[in-house]
PDB file of N, CA and C in Angstrom:
ATOM      1  N   UNK A   1     -79.681 -28.535 -11.109  1.00  0.00           N
ATOM      2  CA  UNK A   1     -78.476 -28.512 -10.067  1.00  0.00           C
ATOM      3  C   UNK A   1     -78.579 -28.512  -8.478  1.00  0.00           C
ATOM      4  N   UNK A   2     -79.992 -27.927  -8.250  1.00  0.00           N
ATOM      5  CA  UNK A   2     -79.849 -27.766  -6.796  1.00  0.00           C
ATOM      6  C   UNK A   2     -80.000 -28.746  -5.994  1.00  0.00           C
ATOM      7  N   UNK A   3     -80.060 -30.080  -6.364  1.00  0.00           N
ATOM      8  CA  UNK A   3     -80.274 -31.250  -5.729  1.00  0.00           C
ATOM      9  C   UNK A   3     -79.012 -31.988  -5.633  1.00  0.00           C
ATOM     10  N   UNK A   4     -77.844 -31.434  -6.072  1.00  0.00           N
ATOM     11  CA  UNK A   4     -76.488 -32.204  -5.872  1.00  0.00           C
ATOM     12  C   UNK A   4     -76.134 -32.538  -4.311  1.00  0.00           C
ATOM     13  N   UNK A   5     -75.689 -33.506  -4.439  1.00  0.00           N
ATOM     14  CA  UNK A   5     -75.307 -33.643  -3.043  1.00  0.00           C
ATOM     15  C   UNK A   5     -73.586 -34.150  -2.971  1.00  0.00           C
ATOM     16  N   UNK A   6     -72.873 -33.630  -2.187  1.00  0.00           N
ATOM     17  CA  UNK A   6     -71.442 -33.964  -2.079  1.00  0.00           C
ATOM     18  C   UNK A   6     -71.423 -35.606  -1.692  1.00  0.00           C
ATOM     19  N   UNK A   7     -70.356 -36.193  -2.556  1.00  0.00           N
ATOM     20  CA  UNK A   7     -70.214 -37.687  -2.114  1.00  0.00           C
ATOM     21  C   UNK A   7     -69.374 -37.871  -1.172  1.00  0.00           C
ATOM     22  N   UNK A   8     -68.390 -36.926  -0.591  1.00  0.00           N
ATOM     23  CA  UNK A   8     -67.520 -37.033   0.518  1.00  0.00           C
ATOM     24  C   UNK A   8     -68.215 -36.937   1.602  1.00  0.00           C
ATOM     25  N   UNK A   9     -68.071 -37.535   2.679  1.00  0.00           N
ATOM     26  CA  UNK A   9     -68.154 -37.564   3.944  1.00  0.00           C
ATOM     27  C   UNK A   9     -67.274 -36.521   5.046  1.00  0.00           C
ATOM     28  N   UNK A  10     -67.705 -35.462   5.036  1.00  0.00           N
ATOM     29  CA  UNK A  10     -66.717 -34.215   5.555  1.00  0.00           C
ATOM     30  C   UNK A  10     -66.371 -34.538   6.755  1.00  0.00           C
ATOM     31  N   UNK A  11     -67.263 -35.004   7.693  1.00  0.00           N
ATOM     32  CA  UNK A  11     -67.064 -35.194   9.210  1.00  0.00           C
ATOM     33  C   UNK A  11     -66.239 -36.555   9.313  1.00  0.00           C
ATOM     34  N   UNK A  12     -66.305 -37.572   8.259  1.00  0.00           N
ATOM     35  CA  UNK A  12     -65.283 -38.479   8.426  1.00  0.00           C
ATOM     36  C   UNK A  12     -63.896 -38.001   7.698  1.00  0.00           C
ATOM     37  N   UNK A  13     -63.771 -37.336   7.015  1.00  0.00           N
ATOM     38  CA  UNK A  13     -62.495 -36.924   6.689  1.00  0.00           C
ATOM     39  C   UNK A  13     -61.691 -35.821   7.470  1.00  0.00           C
ATOM     40  N   UNK A  14     -62.435 -35.386   8.244  1.00  0.00           N
ATOM     41  CA  UNK A  14     -61.946 -34.186   9.233  1.00  0.00           C
ATOM     42  C   UNK A  14     -61.556 -35.173  10.362  1.00  0.00           C
ATOM     43  N   UNK A  15     -62.065 -36.270  10.872  1.00  0.00           N
ATOM     44  CA  UNK A  15     -61.571 -36.919  11.781  1.00  0.00           C
ATOM     45  C   UNK A  15     -60.583 -38.026  11.362  1.00  0.00           C
ATOM     46  N   UNK A  16     -60.601 -38.410  10.320  1.00  0.00           N
ATOM     47  CA  UNK A  16     -59.614 -39.022  10.002  1.00  0.00           C
ATOM     48  C   UNK A  16     -58.455 -38.096   9.880  1.00  0.00           C
ATOM     49  N   UNK A  17     -58.233 -36.928   9.490  1.00  0.00           N
ATOM     50  CA  UNK A  17     -57.191 -36.094   9.348  1.00  0.00           C
ATOM     51  C   UNK A  17     -56.569 -35.605  10.811  1.00  0.00           C
ATOM     52  N   UNK A  18     -57.405 -35.620  11.899  1.00  0.00           N
ATOM     53  CA  UNK A  18     -57.423 -35.262  13.139  1.00  0.00           C
ATOM     54  C   UNK A  18     -56.659 -36.572  13.787  1.00  0.00           C
ATOM     55  N   UNK A  19     -56.766 -37.764  13.278  1.00  0.00           N
ATOM     56  CA  UNK A  19     -56.251 -38.873  14.059  1.00  0.00           C
ATOM     57  C   UNK A  19     -54.914 -39.224  13.407  1.00  0.00           C
ATOM     58  N   UNK A  20     -54.465 -38.843  12.219  1.00  0.00           N
ATOM     59  CA  UNK A  20     -53.130 -38.834  11.562  1.00  0.00           C
ATOM     60  C   UNK A  20     -52.098 -38.362  12.199  1.00  0.00           C
ATOM     61  N   UNK A  21     -50.893 -38.939  12.553  1.00  0.00           N
ATOM     62  CA  UNK A  21     -49.896 -38.595  13.136  1.00  0.00           C
ATOM     63  C   UNK A  21     -50.030 -37.806  14.394  1.00  0.00           C
ATOM     64  N   UNK A  22     -50.532 -38.348  15.367  1.00  0.00           N
ATOM     65  CA  UNK A  22     -50.906 -37.862  16.774  1.00  0.00           C
ATOM     66  C   UNK A  22     -49.592 -38.507  17.729  1.00  0.00           C
ATOM     67  N   UNK A  23     -48.580 -39.247  17.042  1.00  0.00           N
ATOM     68  CA  UNK A  23     -47.367 -39.575  17.811  1.00  0.00           C
ATOM     69  C   UNK A  23     -46.223 -39.526  17.012  1.00  0.00           C
ATOM     70  N   UNK A  24     -45.331 -39.263  17.637  1.00  0.00           N
ATOM     71  CA  UNK A  24     -43.981 -39.098  16.704  1.00  0.00           C
ATOM     72  C   UNK A  24     -43.172 -40.552  16.210  1.00  0.00           C
ATOM     73  N   UNK A  25     -42.707 -40.215  15.059  1.00  0.00           N
ATOM     74  CA  UNK A  25     -42.136 -41.468  14.634  1.00  0.00           C
ATOM     75  C   UNK A  25     -40.959 -41.952  15.095  1.00  0.00           C
ATOM     76  N   UNK A  26     -40.331 -41.014  15.813  1.00  0.00           N
ATOM     77  CA  UNK A  26     -38.964 -41.422  16.192  1.00  0.00           C
ATOM     78  C   UNK A  26     -39.006 -41.873  17.857  1.00  0.00           C
ATOM     79  N   UNK A  27     -39.738 -41.294  18.576  1.00  0.00           N
ATOM     80  CA  UNK A  27     -39.708 -41.199  20.030  1.00  0.00           C
ATOM     81  C   UNK A  27     -41.137 -41.921  20.363  1.00  0.00           C
ATOM     82  N   UNK A  28     -42.389 -41.823  19.799  1.00  0.00           N
ATOM     83  CA  UNK A  28     -43.566 -42.412  20.027  1.00  0.00           C
ATOM     84  C   UNK A  28     -44.128 -41.586  21.243  1.00  0.00           C
ATOM     85  N   UNK A  29     -43.944 -40.407  21.332  1.00  0.00           N
ATOM     86  CA  UNK A  29     -44.708 -39.696  22.093  1.00  0.00           C
ATOM     87  C   UNK A  29     -45.592 -38.560  21.379  1.00  0.00           C
ATOM     88  N   UNK A  30     -46.318 -37.989  22.251  1.00  0.00           N
ATOM     89  CA  UNK A  30     -47.433 -37.038  21.296  1.00  0.00           C
ATOM     90  C   UNK A  30     -46.301 -35.884  20.702  1.00  0.00           C
ATOM     91  N   UNK A  31     -46.550 -35.484  19.492  1.00  0.00           N
ATOM     92  CA  UNK A  31     -45.921 -34.652  18.683  1.00  0.00           C
ATOM     93  C   UNK A  31     -45.834 -33.050  19.775  1.00  0.00           C
ATOM     94  N   UNK A  32     -44.666 -32.612  19.510  1.00  0.00           N
ATOM     95  CA  UNK A  32     -44.380 -31.340  20.201  1.00  0.00           C
ATOM     96  C   UNK A  32     -43.081 -30.855  19.366  1.00  0.00           C
ATOM     97  N   UNK A  33     -43.639 -29.462  18.524  1.00  0.00           N
ATOM     98  CA  UNK A  33     -42.515 -29.060  17.930  1.00  0.00           C
ATOM     99  C   UNK A  33     -42.508 -27.416  18.398  1.00  0.00           C
ATOM    100  N   UNK A  34     -41.223 -26.926  18.125  1.00  0.00           N
ATOM    101  CA  UNK A  34     -41.060 -25.317  18.406  1.00  0.00           C
ATOM    102  C   UNK A  34     -40.424 -24.838  17.157  1.00  0.00           C
ATOM    103  N   UNK A  35     -40.277 -23.484  16.731  1.00  0.00           N
ATOM    104  CA  UNK A  35     -39.232 -22.997  15.538  1.00  0.00           C
ATOM    105  C   UNK A  35     -38.230 -22.183  16.584  1.00  0.00           C
ATOM    106  N   UNK A  36     -36.986 -22.808  16.677  1.00  0.00           N
ATOM    107  CA  UNK A  36     -35.918 -21.987  17.322  1.00  0.00           C
ATOM    108  C   UNK A  36     -34.869 -21.391  16.378  1.00  0.00           C
ATOM    109  N   UNK A  37     -34.619 -20.152  17.056  1.00  0.00           N
ATOM    110  CA  UNK A  37     -33.520 -19.391  16.270  1.00  0.00           C
ATOM    111  C   UNK A  37     -32.095 -19.690  16.494  1.00  0.00           C
ATOM    112  N   UNK A  38     -31.282 -20.157  15.432  1.00  0.00           N
ATOM    113  CA  UNK A  38     -30.088 -20.790  15.643  1.00  0.00           C
ATOM    114  C   UNK A  38     -29.170 -19.721  14.537  1.00  0.00           C
ATOM    115  N   UNK A  39     -28.183 -19.332  15.258  1.00  0.00           N
ATOM    116  CA  UNK A  39     -26.882 -18.380  14.614  1.00  0.00           C
ATOM    117  C   UNK A  39     -27.482 -17.659  13.552  1.00  0.00           C
ATOM    118  N   UNK A  40     -27.296 -16.449  13.905  1.00  0.00           N
ATOM    119  CA  UNK A  40     -27.494 -15.112  12.890  1.00  0.00           C
ATOM    120  C   UNK A  40     -28.902 -15.287  12.216  1.00  0.00           C
ATOM    121  N   UNK A  41     -29.941 -15.631  13.239  1.00  0.00           N
ATOM    122  CA  UNK A  41     -31.398 -15.240  12.690  1.00  0.00           C
ATOM    123  C   UNK A  41     -32.252 -16.464  11.970  1.00  0.00           C
ATOM    124  N   UNK A  42     -31.333 -17.409  11.431  1.00  0.00           N
ATOM    125  CA  UNK A  42     -31.804 -18.892  10.935  1.00  0.00           C
ATOM    126  C   UNK A  42     -32.671 -19.417  11.887  1.00  0.00           C
ATOM    127  N   UNK A  43     -33.671 -19.939  11.088  1.00  0.00           N
ATOM    128  CA  UNK A  43     -34.655 -20.427  12.049  1.00  0.00           C
ATOM    129  C   UNK A  43     -34.665 -22.271  11.532  1.00  0.00           C
ATOM    130  N   UNK A  44     -34.995 -23.193  12.650  1.00  0.00           N
ATOM    131  CA  UNK A  44     -35.000 -24.329  12.684  1.00  0.00           C
ATOM    132  C   UNK A  44     -36.254 -24.977  13.395  1.00  0.00           C
ATOM    133  N   UNK A  45     -36.888 -25.905  12.973  1.00  0.00           N
ATOM    134  CA  UNK A  45     -38.207 -26.543  13.486  1.00  0.00           C
ATOM    135  C   UNK A  45     -37.363 -27.668  14.493  1.00  0.00           C
ATOM    136  N   UNK A  46     -37.606 -27.657  15.769  1.00  0.00           N
ATOM    137  CA  UNK A  46     -36.904 -28.467  16.235  1.00  0.00           C
ATOM    138  C   UNK A  46     -38.137 -29.581  17.010  1.00  0.00           C
ATOM    139  N   UNK A  47     -37.911 -30.952  17.627  1.00  0.00           N
ATOM    140  CA  UNK A  47     -38.937 -31.873  17.795  1.00  0.00           C
ATOM    141  C   UNK A  47     -38.703 -31.502  19.555  1.00  0.00           C
ATOM    142  N   UNK A  48     -39.565 -31.140  20.332  1.00  0.00           N
ATOM    143  CA  UNK A  48     -39.339 -31.081  21.784  1.00  0.00           C
ATOM    144  C   UNK A  48     -39.430 -32.439  22.206  1.00  0.00           C
ATOM    145  N   UNK A  49     -40.560 -33.000  21.954  1.00  0.00           N
ATOM    146  CA  UNK A  49     -40.793 -34.673  22.306  1.00  0.00           C
ATOM    147  C   UNK A  49     -39.689 -35.477  22.235  1.00  0.00           C
ATOM    148  N   UNK A  50     -38.857 -35.268  21.046  1.00  0.00           N
ATOM    149  CA  UNK A  50     -37.698 -36.235  21.289  1.00  0.00           C
ATOM    150  C   UNK A  50     -36.725 -35.529  21.968  1.00  0.00           C
ATOM    151  N   UNK A  51     -36.697 -34.515  22.384  1.00  0.00           N
ATOM    152  CA  UNK A  51     -35.363 -33.802  23.605  1.00  0.00           C
ATOM    153  C   UNK A  51     -35.869 -34.317  24.692  1.00  0.00           C
ATOM    154  N   UNK A  52     -37.239 -34.214  25.048  1.00  0.00           N
ATOM    155  CA  UNK A  52     -37.733 -34.657  26.263  1.00  0.00           C
ATOM    156  C   UNK A  52     -37.442 -36.300  26.488  1.00  0.00           C
ATOM    157  N   UNK A  53     -37.387 -37.125  25.648  1.00  0.00           N
ATOM    158  CA  UNK A  53     -37.423 -38.423  25.630  1.00  0.00           C
ATOM    159  C   UNK A  53     -35.739 -38.712  25.526  1.00  0.00           C
ATOM    160  N   UNK A  54     -34.932 -37.737  25.417  1.00  0.00           N
ATOM    161  CA  UNK A  54     -33.618 -38.041  25.414  1.00  0.00           C
ATOM    162  C   UNK A  54     -32.863 -38.825  23.944  1.00  0.00           C
ATOM    163  N   UNK A  55     -33.631 -38.436  22.983  1.00  0.00           N
ATOM    164  CA  UNK A  55     -33.227 -38.798  21.655  1.00  0.00           C
ATOM    165  C   UNK A  55     -32.547 -37.431  20.876  1.00  0.00           C
ATOM    166  N   UNK A  56     -31.364 -37.448  20.529  1.00  0.00           N
ATOM    167  CA  UNK A  56     -30.614 -36.384  20.094  1.00  0.00           C
ATOM    168  C   UNK A  56     -31.223 -36.089  18.642  1.00  0.00           C
ATOM    169  N   UNK A  57     -31.183 -34.753  18.239  1.00  0.00           N
ATOM    170  CA  UNK A  57     -31.546 -34.434  17.003  1.00  0.00           C
ATOM    171  C   UNK A  57     -31.203 -34.916  15.673  1.00  0.00           C
ATOM    172  N   UNK A  58     -29.947 -35.345  16.023  1.00  0.00           N
ATOM    173  CA  UNK A  58     -29.310 -35.908  15.015  1.00  0.00           C
ATOM    174  C   UNK A  58     -29.378 -37.545  14.828  1.00  0.00           C
ATOM    175  N   UNK A  59     -29.981 -37.883  15.774  1.00  0.00           N
ATOM    176  CA  UNK A  59     -30.244 -39.435  15.625  1.00  0.00           C
ATOM    177  C   UNK A  59     -31.516 -39.372  15.280  1.00  0.00           C
ATOM    178  N   UNK A  60     -32.289 -38.620  15.161  1.00  0.00           N
ATOM    179  CA  UNK A  60     -33.806 -38.832  14.988  1.00  0.00           C
ATOM    180  C   UNK A  60     -33.775 -38.334  13.342  1.00  0.00           C
ATOM    181  N   UNK A  61     -33.011 -37.890  12.970  1.00  0.00           N
ATOM    182  CA  UNK A  61     -32.868 -37.753  11.255  1.00  0.00           C
ATOM    183  C   UNK A  61     -32.444 -39.143  10.734  1.00  0.00           C
ATOM    184  N   UNK A  62     -31.925 -40.037  11.330  1.00  0.00           N
ATOM    185  CA  UNK A  62     -31.498 -41.261  10.413  1.00  0.00           C
ATOM    186  C   UNK A  62     -32.754 -42.514  10.756  1.00  0.00           C
TER     187      UNK A  62
END
């Protein structure tokens, strides 16, 4: 079993994962997110890229 070689090209898989989802599907800009605290300590992920583009969070969900 010492001669077994993986069939998966690890470098190609890493490159593929790195290239996926570089741009936001709502505003088309580079994805930028932040974890914001809203009322009583609850947290929520917010897309800063959409806020900078002027797209409201409610609009991005539809």
